[in-house]
Protein backbone atom coordinates (compact mmCIF):
# COMPACT_ATOMS: atom_id res chain seq x y z
CA UNK A 1 0.00 0.00 0.00
CA UNK A 2 1.41 3.37 -0.95
CA UNK A 3 1.85 6.16 1.56
CA UNK A 4 -0.95 8.11 -0.10
CA UNK A 5 -3.31 5.15 0.21
CA UNK A 6 -2.40 4.74 3.89
CA UNK A 7 -3.01 8.41 4.52
CA UNK A 8 -6.33 8.33 2.65
CA UNK A 9 -7.35 5.26 4.64
CA UNK A 10 -6.52 6.91 7.99
CA UNK A 11 -8.15 10.24 7.14
CA UNK A 12 -11.75 9.38 8.13
CA UNK A 13 -10.55 8.13 11.52
CA UNK A 14 -8.51 11.30 12.08
CA UNK A 15 -11.47 13.47 11.10
CA UNK A 16 -13.66 11.52 13.53
CA UNK A 17 -11.17 12.05 16.35
CA UNK A 18 -10.95 15.78 15.65
CA UNK A 19 -14.75 16.06 15.42
CA UNK A 20 -15.17 14.33 18.79
CA UNK A 21 -12.54 16.56 20.37
CA UNK A 22 -14.20 19.70 19.02
CA UNK A 23 -17.60 18.47 20.23
CA UNK A 24 -16.23 17.88 23.74
CA UNK A 25 -14.64 21.34 23.80
CA UNK A 26 -17.85 23.03 22.66
CA UNK A 27 -19.89 21.12 25.27
CA UNK A 28 -17.41 22.15 27.97
CA UNK A 29 -17.54 25.83 26.95
CA UNK A 30 -21.36 25.83 26.88
CA UNK A 31 -21.59 24.10 30.27
CA UNK A 32 -18.98 26.39 31.83
CA UNK A 33 -20.79 29.44 30.49
CA UNK A 34 -24.12 28.23 31.89
CA UNK A 35 -22.53 27.56 35.29
CA UNK A 36 -20.92 31.00 35.38
CA UNK A 37 -24.22 32.70 34.51
CA UNK A 38 -26.15 30.68 37.10
CA UNK A 39 -23.60 31.60 39.77
CA UNK A 40 -23.75 35.28 38.83
CA UNK A 41 -27.54 35.14 39.05
CA UNK A 42 -27.38 33.36 42.42
CA UNK A 43 -25.02 36.03 43.76
CA UNK A 44 -27.64 38.70 43.01
CA UNK A 45 -30.41 37.08 45.08
CA UNK A 46 -31.32 38.59 48.44
CA UNK A 47 -31.96 36.58 51.62
CA UNK A 48 -35.70 36.39 51.00
CA UNK A 49 -35.28 34.92 47.52
CA UNK A 50 -32.57 32.53 48.74
CA UNK A 51 -34.97 31.24 51.41
CA UNK A 52 -37.59 30.75 48.70
CA UNK A 53 -35.27 28.37 46.85
CA UNK A 54 -34.21 26.66 50.07
CA UNK A 55 -30.63 27.80 50.59
CA UNK A 56 -28.97 30.15 53.01
CA UNK A 57 -26.53 32.97 52.34
CA UNK A 58 -23.52 30.88 53.35
CA UNK A 59 -24.40 28.08 50.91
CA UNK A 60 -25.01 30.61 48.13
CA UNK A 61 -21.64 32.26 48.76
CA UNK A 62 -19.89 28.89 48.72
CA UNK A 63 -21.49 28.03 45.37
CA UNK A 64 -20.70 31.44 43.89
CA UNK A 65 -17.05 31.17 44.88
CA UNK A 66 -16.55 28.00 42.84
CA UNK A 67 -14.69 28.25 39.53
CA UNK A 68 -16.54 27.83 36.24
CA UNK A 69 -14.94 24.45 35.58
CA UNK A 70 -16.08 23.03 38.91
CA UNK A 71 -19.31 21.08 38.63
PDB file of N, CA and C in Angstrom:
ATOM      1  N   UNK A   1       0.849  -1.174   0.000  1.00  0.00           N
ATOM      2  CA  UNK A   1       0.000   0.000   0.000  1.00  0.00           C
ATOM      3  C   UNK A   1       0.897   1.240   0.000  1.00  0.00           C
ATOM      4  N   UNK A   2       0.595   2.159  -0.853  1.00  0.00           N
ATOM      5  CA  UNK A   2       1.406   3.371  -0.948  1.00  0.00           C
ATOM      6  C   UNK A   2       1.127   4.283   0.244  1.00  0.00           C
ATOM      7  N   UNK A   3       2.012   5.216   0.449  1.00  0.00           N
ATOM      8  CA  UNK A   3       1.846   6.159   1.564  1.00  0.00           C
ATOM      9  C   UNK A   3       0.575   6.969   1.390  1.00  0.00           C
ATOM     10  N   UNK A   4       0.268   7.352   0.170  1.00  0.00           N
ATOM     11  CA  UNK A   4      -0.948   8.113  -0.100  1.00  0.00           C
ATOM     12  C   UNK A   4      -2.181   7.290   0.248  1.00  0.00           C
ATOM     13  N   UNK A   5      -2.174   6.023  -0.102  1.00  0.00           N
ATOM     14  CA  UNK A   5      -3.307   5.155   0.214  1.00  0.00           C
ATOM     15  C   UNK A   5      -3.456   4.988   1.720  1.00  0.00           C
ATOM     16  N   UNK A   6      -2.347   4.862   2.439  1.00  0.00           N
ATOM     17  CA  UNK A   6      -2.398   4.740   3.893  1.00  0.00           C
ATOM     18  C   UNK A   6      -2.972   6.005   4.519  1.00  0.00           C
ATOM     19  N   UNK A   7      -2.523   7.136   4.013  1.00  0.00           N
ATOM     20  CA  UNK A   7      -3.015   8.414   4.523  1.00  0.00           C
ATOM     21  C   UNK A   7      -4.503   8.570   4.240  1.00  0.00           C
ATOM     22  N   UNK A   8      -4.922   8.236   3.027  1.00  0.00           N
ATOM     23  CA  UNK A   8      -6.330   8.331   2.648  1.00  0.00           C
ATOM     24  C   UNK A   8      -7.181   7.393   3.502  1.00  0.00           C
ATOM     25  N   UNK A   9      -6.632   6.236   3.831  1.00  0.00           N
ATOM     26  CA  UNK A   9      -7.355   5.262   4.638  1.00  0.00           C
ATOM     27  C   UNK A   9      -7.503   5.760   6.086  1.00  0.00           C
ATOM     28  N   UNK A  10      -6.510   6.432   6.608  1.00  0.00           N
ATOM     29  CA  UNK A  10      -6.519   6.913   7.990  1.00  0.00           C
ATOM     30  C   UNK A  10      -7.275   8.235   8.157  1.00  0.00           C
ATOM     31  N   UNK A  11      -7.529   8.914   7.064  1.00  0.00           N
ATOM     32  CA  UNK A  11      -8.149  10.238   7.140  1.00  0.00           C
ATOM     33  C   UNK A  11      -9.523  10.238   7.813  1.00  0.00           C
ATOM     34  N   UNK A  12     -10.438   9.348   7.465  1.00  0.00           N
ATOM     35  CA  UNK A  12     -11.749   9.380   8.134  1.00  0.00           C
ATOM     36  C   UNK A  12     -11.643   9.198   9.649  1.00  0.00           C
ATOM     37  N   UNK A  13     -10.743   8.333  10.085  1.00  0.00           N
ATOM     38  CA  UNK A  13     -10.554   8.135  11.524  1.00  0.00           C
ATOM     39  C   UNK A  13     -10.030   9.412  12.175  1.00  0.00           C
ATOM     40  N   UNK A  14      -9.073  10.057  11.545  1.00  0.00           N
ATOM     41  CA  UNK A  14      -8.513  11.299  12.079  1.00  0.00           C
ATOM     42  C   UNK A  14      -9.576  12.388  12.144  1.00  0.00           C
ATOM     43  N   UNK A  15     -10.395  12.473  11.116  1.00  0.00           N
ATOM     44  CA  UNK A  15     -11.472  13.469  11.103  1.00  0.00           C
ATOM     45  C   UNK A  15     -12.457  13.185  12.231  1.00  0.00           C
ATOM     46  N   UNK A  16     -12.759  11.903  12.445  1.00  0.00           N
ATOM     47  CA  UNK A  16     -13.656  11.524  13.529  1.00  0.00           C
ATOM     48  C   UNK A  16     -13.097  11.907  14.891  1.00  0.00           C
ATOM     49  N   UNK A  17     -11.801  11.686  15.087  1.00  0.00           N
ATOM     50  CA  UNK A  17     -11.165  12.050  16.351  1.00  0.00           C
ATOM     51  C   UNK A  17     -11.212  13.561  16.580  1.00  0.00           C
ATOM     52  N   UNK A  18     -10.919  14.314  15.544  1.00  0.00           N
ATOM     53  CA  UNK A  18     -10.950  15.776  15.650  1.00  0.00           C
ATOM     54  C   UNK A  18     -12.375  16.251  15.922  1.00  0.00           C
ATOM     55  N   UNK A  19     -13.345  15.665  15.228  1.00  0.00           N
ATOM     56  CA  UNK A  19     -14.748  16.058  15.418  1.00  0.00           C
ATOM     57  C   UNK A  19     -15.191  15.784  16.855  1.00  0.00           C
ATOM     58  N   UNK A  20     -14.816  14.640  17.406  1.00  0.00           N
ATOM     59  CA  UNK A  20     -15.175  14.326  18.790  1.00  0.00           C
ATOM     60  C   UNK A  20     -14.499  15.290  19.769  1.00  0.00           C
ATOM     61  N   UNK A  21     -13.261  15.620  19.499  1.00  0.00           N
ATOM     62  CA  UNK A  21     -12.542  16.556  20.372  1.00  0.00           C
ATOM     63  C   UNK A  21     -13.201  17.933  20.339  1.00  0.00           C
ATOM     64  N   UNK A  22     -13.546  18.396  19.162  1.00  0.00           N
ATOM     65  CA  UNK A  22     -14.197  19.705  19.024  1.00  0.00           C
ATOM     66  C   UNK A  22     -15.552  19.678  19.727  1.00  0.00           C
ATOM     67  N   UNK A  23     -16.294  18.594  19.576  1.00  0.00           N
ATOM     68  CA  UNK A  23     -17.595  18.469  20.235  1.00  0.00           C
ATOM     69  C   UNK A  23     -17.441  18.543  21.750  1.00  0.00           C
ATOM     70  N   UNK A  24     -16.459  17.851  22.296  1.00  0.00           N
ATOM     71  CA  UNK A  24     -16.230  17.882  23.741  1.00  0.00           C
ATOM     72  C   UNK A  24     -15.854  19.286  24.213  1.00  0.00           C
ATOM     73  N   UNK A  25     -15.041  19.979  23.440  1.00  0.00           N
ATOM     74  CA  UNK A  25     -14.636  21.340  23.803  1.00  0.00           C
ATOM     75  C   UNK A  25     -15.841  22.274  23.789  1.00  0.00           C
ATOM     76  N   UNK A  26     -16.656  22.172  22.750  1.00  0.00           N
ATOM     77  CA  UNK A  26     -17.850  23.025  22.657  1.00  0.00           C
ATOM     78  C   UNK A  26     -18.796  22.746  23.816  1.00  0.00           C
ATOM     79  N   UNK A  27     -19.016  21.467  24.144  1.00  0.00           N
ATOM     80  CA  UNK A  27     -19.886  21.123  25.271  1.00  0.00           C
ATOM     81  C   UNK A  27     -19.335  21.699  26.575  1.00  0.00           C
ATOM     82  N   UNK A  28     -18.026  21.613  26.765  1.00  0.00           N
ATOM     83  CA  UNK A  28     -17.408  22.154  27.975  1.00  0.00           C
ATOM     84  C   UNK A  28     -17.617  23.662  28.056  1.00  0.00           C
ATOM     85  N   UNK A  29     -17.398  24.363  26.954  1.00  0.00           N
ATOM     86  CA  UNK A  29     -17.541  25.826  26.947  1.00  0.00           C
ATOM     87  C   UNK A  29     -18.987  26.219  27.245  1.00  0.00           C
ATOM     88  N   UNK A  30     -19.940  25.524  26.639  1.00  0.00           N
ATOM     89  CA  UNK A  30     -21.356  25.827  26.877  1.00  0.00           C
ATOM     90  C   UNK A  30     -21.710  25.577  28.343  1.00  0.00           C
ATOM     91  N   UNK A  31     -21.300  24.435  28.871  1.00  0.00           N
ATOM     92  CA  UNK A  31     -21.592  24.103  30.273  1.00  0.00           C
ATOM     93  C   UNK A  31     -20.940  25.100  31.225  1.00  0.00           C
ATOM     94  N   UNK A  32     -19.689  25.440  30.975  1.00  0.00           N
ATOM     95  CA  UNK A  32     -18.980  26.392  31.831  1.00  0.00           C
ATOM     96  C   UNK A  32     -19.658  27.762  31.790  1.00  0.00           C
ATOM     97  N   UNK A  33     -20.104  28.163  30.623  1.00  0.00           N
ATOM     98  CA  UNK A  33     -20.789  29.445  30.489  1.00  0.00           C
ATOM     99  C   UNK A  33     -22.112  29.442  31.257  1.00  0.00           C
ATOM    100  N   UNK A  34     -22.853  28.340  31.166  1.00  0.00           N
ATOM    101  CA  UNK A  34     -24.117  28.233  31.894  1.00  0.00           C
ATOM    102  C   UNK A  34     -23.882  28.261  33.402  1.00  0.00           C
ATOM    103  N   UNK A  35     -22.856  27.559  33.869  1.00  0.00           N
ATOM    104  CA  UNK A  35     -22.532  27.564  35.291  1.00  0.00           C
ATOM    105  C   UNK A  35     -22.174  28.969  35.763  1.00  0.00           C
ATOM    106  N   UNK A  36     -21.347  29.652  34.998  1.00  0.00           N
ATOM    107  CA  UNK A  36     -20.921  30.998  35.381  1.00  0.00           C
ATOM    108  C   UNK A  36     -22.118  31.938  35.462  1.00  0.00           C
ATOM    109  N   UNK A  37     -23.026  31.840  34.503  1.00  0.00           N
ATOM    110  CA  UNK A  37     -24.216  32.698  34.515  1.00  0.00           C
ATOM    111  C   UNK A  37     -25.109  32.366  35.704  1.00  0.00           C
ATOM    112  N   UNK A  38     -25.313  31.087  35.970  1.00  0.00           N
ATOM    113  CA  UNK A  38     -26.153  30.676  37.100  1.00  0.00           C
ATOM    114  C   UNK A  38     -25.561  31.182  38.413  1.00  0.00           C
ATOM    115  N   UNK A  39     -24.250  31.131  38.541  1.00  0.00           N
ATOM    116  CA  UNK A  39     -23.604  31.597  39.771  1.00  0.00           C
ATOM    117  C   UNK A  39     -23.673  33.116  39.901  1.00  0.00           C
ATOM    118  N   UNK A  40     -23.574  33.819  38.782  1.00  0.00           N
ATOM    119  CA  UNK A  40     -23.748  35.284  38.831  1.00  0.00           C
ATOM    120  C   UNK A  40     -25.170  35.626  39.256  1.00  0.00           C
ATOM    121  N   UNK A  41     -26.140  34.913  38.692  1.00  0.00           N
ATOM    122  CA  UNK A  41     -27.541  35.141  39.048  1.00  0.00           C
ATOM    123  C   UNK A  41     -27.784  34.833  40.529  1.00  0.00           C
ATOM    124  N   UNK A  42     -27.221  33.738  41.011  1.00  0.00           N
ATOM    125  CA  UNK A  42     -27.376  33.356  42.417  1.00  0.00           C
ATOM    126  C   UNK A  42     -26.792  34.428  43.329  1.00  0.00           C
ATOM    127  N   UNK A  43     -25.675  34.997  42.940  1.00  0.00           N
ATOM    128  CA  UNK A  43     -25.020  36.025  43.758  1.00  0.00           C
ATOM    129  C   UNK A  43     -25.889  37.277  43.896  1.00  0.00           C
ATOM    130  N   UNK A  44     -26.791  37.500  42.982  1.00  0.00           N
ATOM    131  CA  UNK A  44     -27.636  38.700  43.008  1.00  0.00           C
ATOM    132  C   UNK A  44     -28.889  38.542  43.874  1.00  0.00           C
ATOM    133  N   UNK A  45     -29.185  37.309  44.312  1.00  0.00           N
ATOM    134  CA  UNK A  45     -30.412  37.084  45.078  1.00  0.00           C
ATOM    135  C   UNK A  45     -30.261  37.578  46.519  1.00  0.00           C
ATOM    136  N   UNK A  46     -31.342  38.164  47.046  1.00  0.00           N
ATOM    137  CA  UNK A  46     -31.323  38.595  48.444  1.00  0.00           C
ATOM    138  C   UNK A  46     -31.727  37.427  49.351  1.00  0.00           C
ATOM    139  N   UNK A  47     -31.674  37.642  50.660  1.00  0.00           N
ATOM    140  CA  UNK A  47     -31.963  36.579  51.624  1.00  0.00           C
ATOM    141  C   UNK A  47     -33.361  35.991  51.450  1.00  0.00           C
ATOM    142  N   UNK A  48     -34.317  36.849  51.167  1.00  0.00           N
ATOM    143  CA  UNK A  48     -35.698  36.390  51.003  1.00  0.00           C
ATOM    144  C   UNK A  48     -35.809  35.422  49.814  1.00  0.00           C
ATOM    145  N   UNK A  49     -35.219  35.785  48.699  1.00  0.00           N
ATOM    146  CA  UNK A  49     -35.276  34.917  47.522  1.00  0.00           C
ATOM    147  C   UNK A  49     -34.471  33.632  47.724  1.00  0.00           C
ATOM    148  N   UNK A  50     -33.355  33.735  48.435  1.00  0.00           N
ATOM    149  CA  UNK A  50     -32.575  32.528  48.739  1.00  0.00           C
ATOM    150  C   UNK A  50     -33.387  31.564  49.597  1.00  0.00           C
ATOM    151  N   UNK A  51     -34.108  32.103  50.582  1.00  0.00           N
ATOM    152  CA  UNK A  51     -34.970  31.239  51.409  1.00  0.00           C
ATOM    153  C   UNK A  51     -36.039  30.578  50.551  1.00  0.00           C
ATOM    154  N   UNK A  52     -36.565  31.311  49.584  1.00  0.00           N
ATOM    155  CA  UNK A  52     -37.590  30.749  48.697  1.00  0.00           C
ATOM    156  C   UNK A  52     -37.084  29.525  47.925  1.00  0.00           C
ATOM    157  N   UNK A  53     -35.809  29.527  47.584  1.00  0.00           N
ATOM    158  CA  UNK A  53     -35.271  28.375  46.850  1.00  0.00           C
ATOM    159  C   UNK A  53     -34.590  27.369  47.780  1.00  0.00           C
ATOM    160  N   UNK A  54     -34.650  27.636  49.088  1.00  0.00           N
ATOM    161  CA  UNK A  54     -34.214  26.660  50.065  1.00  0.00           C
ATOM    162  C   UNK A  54     -32.732  26.629  50.392  1.00  0.00           C
ATOM    163  N   UNK A  55     -32.048  27.745  50.191  1.00  0.00           N
ATOM    164  CA  UNK A  55     -30.632  27.795  50.588  1.00  0.00           C
ATOM    165  C   UNK A  55     -30.366  29.049  51.404  1.00  0.00           C
ATOM    166  N   UNK A  56     -29.325  28.985  52.194  1.00  0.00           N
ATOM    167  CA  UNK A  56     -28.973  30.147  53.011  1.00  0.00           C
ATOM    168  C   UNK A  56     -27.837  30.932  52.339  1.00  0.00           C
ATOM    169  N   UNK A  57     -27.542  32.073  52.906  1.00  0.00           N
ATOM    170  CA  UNK A  57     -26.531  32.971  52.343  1.00  0.00           C
ATOM    171  C   UNK A  57     -25.152  32.305  52.274  1.00  0.00           C
ATOM    172  N   UNK A  58     -24.822  31.534  53.290  1.00  0.00           N
ATOM    173  CA  UNK A  58     -23.519  30.875  53.348  1.00  0.00           C
ATOM    174  C   UNK A  58     -23.371  29.836  52.211  1.00  0.00           C
ATOM    175  N   UNK A  59     -24.418  29.072  51.988  1.00  0.00           N
ATOM    176  CA  UNK A  59     -24.401  28.082  50.910  1.00  0.00           C
ATOM    177  C   UNK A  59     -24.303  28.775  49.556  1.00  0.00           C
ATOM    178  N   UNK A  60     -25.052  29.856  49.383  1.00  0.00           N
ATOM    179  CA  UNK A  60     -25.011  30.605  48.128  1.00  0.00           C
ATOM    180  C   UNK A  60     -23.611  31.170  47.878  1.00  0.00           C
ATOM    181  N   UNK A  61     -22.987  31.710  48.912  1.00  0.00           N
ATOM    182  CA  UNK A  61     -21.640  32.258  48.755  1.00  0.00           C
ATOM    183  C   UNK A  61     -20.634  31.169  48.408  1.00  0.00           C
ATOM    184  N   UNK A  62     -20.790  30.000  49.025  1.00  0.00           N
ATOM    185  CA  UNK A  62     -19.888  28.887  48.718  1.00  0.00           C
ATOM    186  C   UNK A  62     -20.032  28.466  47.258  1.00  0.00           C
ATOM    187  N   UNK A  63     -21.262  28.403  46.775  1.00  0.00           N
ATOM    188  CA  UNK A  63     -21.488  28.025  45.374  1.00  0.00           C
ATOM    189  C   UNK A  63     -20.935  29.091  44.428  1.00  0.00           C
ATOM    190  N   UNK A  64     -21.150  30.342  44.755  1.00  0.00           N
ATOM    191  CA  UNK A  64     -20.705  31.436  43.893  1.00  0.00           C
ATOM    192  C   UNK A  64     -19.181  31.556  43.841  1.00  0.00           C
ATOM    193  N   UNK A  65     -18.502  31.068  44.858  1.00  0.00           N
ATOM    194  CA  UNK A  65     -17.048  31.173  44.881  1.00  0.00           C
ATOM    195  C   UNK A  65     -16.361  30.068  44.076  1.00  0.00           C
ATOM    196  N   UNK A  66     -17.126  29.082  43.628  1.00  0.00           N
ATOM    197  CA  UNK A  66     -16.547  27.999  42.839  1.00  0.00           C
ATOM    198  C   UNK A  66     -16.165  28.507  41.455  1.00  0.00           C
ATOM    199  N   UNK A  67     -15.149  27.895  40.872  1.00  0.00           N
ATOM    200  CA  UNK A  67     -14.686  28.250  39.527  1.00  0.00           C
ATOM    201  C   UNK A  67     -15.630  27.667  38.474  1.00  0.00           C
ATOM    202  N   UNK A  68     -15.621  28.248  37.295  1.00  0.00           N
ATOM    203  CA  UNK A  68     -16.545  27.827  36.240  1.00  0.00           C
ATOM    204  C   UNK A  68     -16.356  26.377  35.821  1.00  0.00           C
ATOM    205  N   UNK A  69     -15.175  25.819  35.993  1.00  0.00           N
ATOM    206  CA  UNK A  69     -14.940  24.448  35.576  1.00  0.00           C
ATOM    207  C   UNK A  69     -15.348  23.436  36.648  1.00  0.00           C
ATOM    208  N   UNK A  70     -15.677  23.926  37.838  1.00  0.00           N
ATOM    209  CA  UNK A  70     -16.076  23.026  38.910  1.00  0.00           C
ATOM    210  C   UNK A  70     -17.575  22.760  38.830  1.00  0.00           C
ATOM    211  N   UNK A  71     -17.921  21.495  38.768  1.00  0.00           N
ATOM    212  CA  UNK A  71     -19.314  21.082  38.631  1.00  0.00           C
ATOM    213  C   UNK A  71     -20.200  21.432  39.776  1.00  0.00           C
TER     214      UNK A  71
END
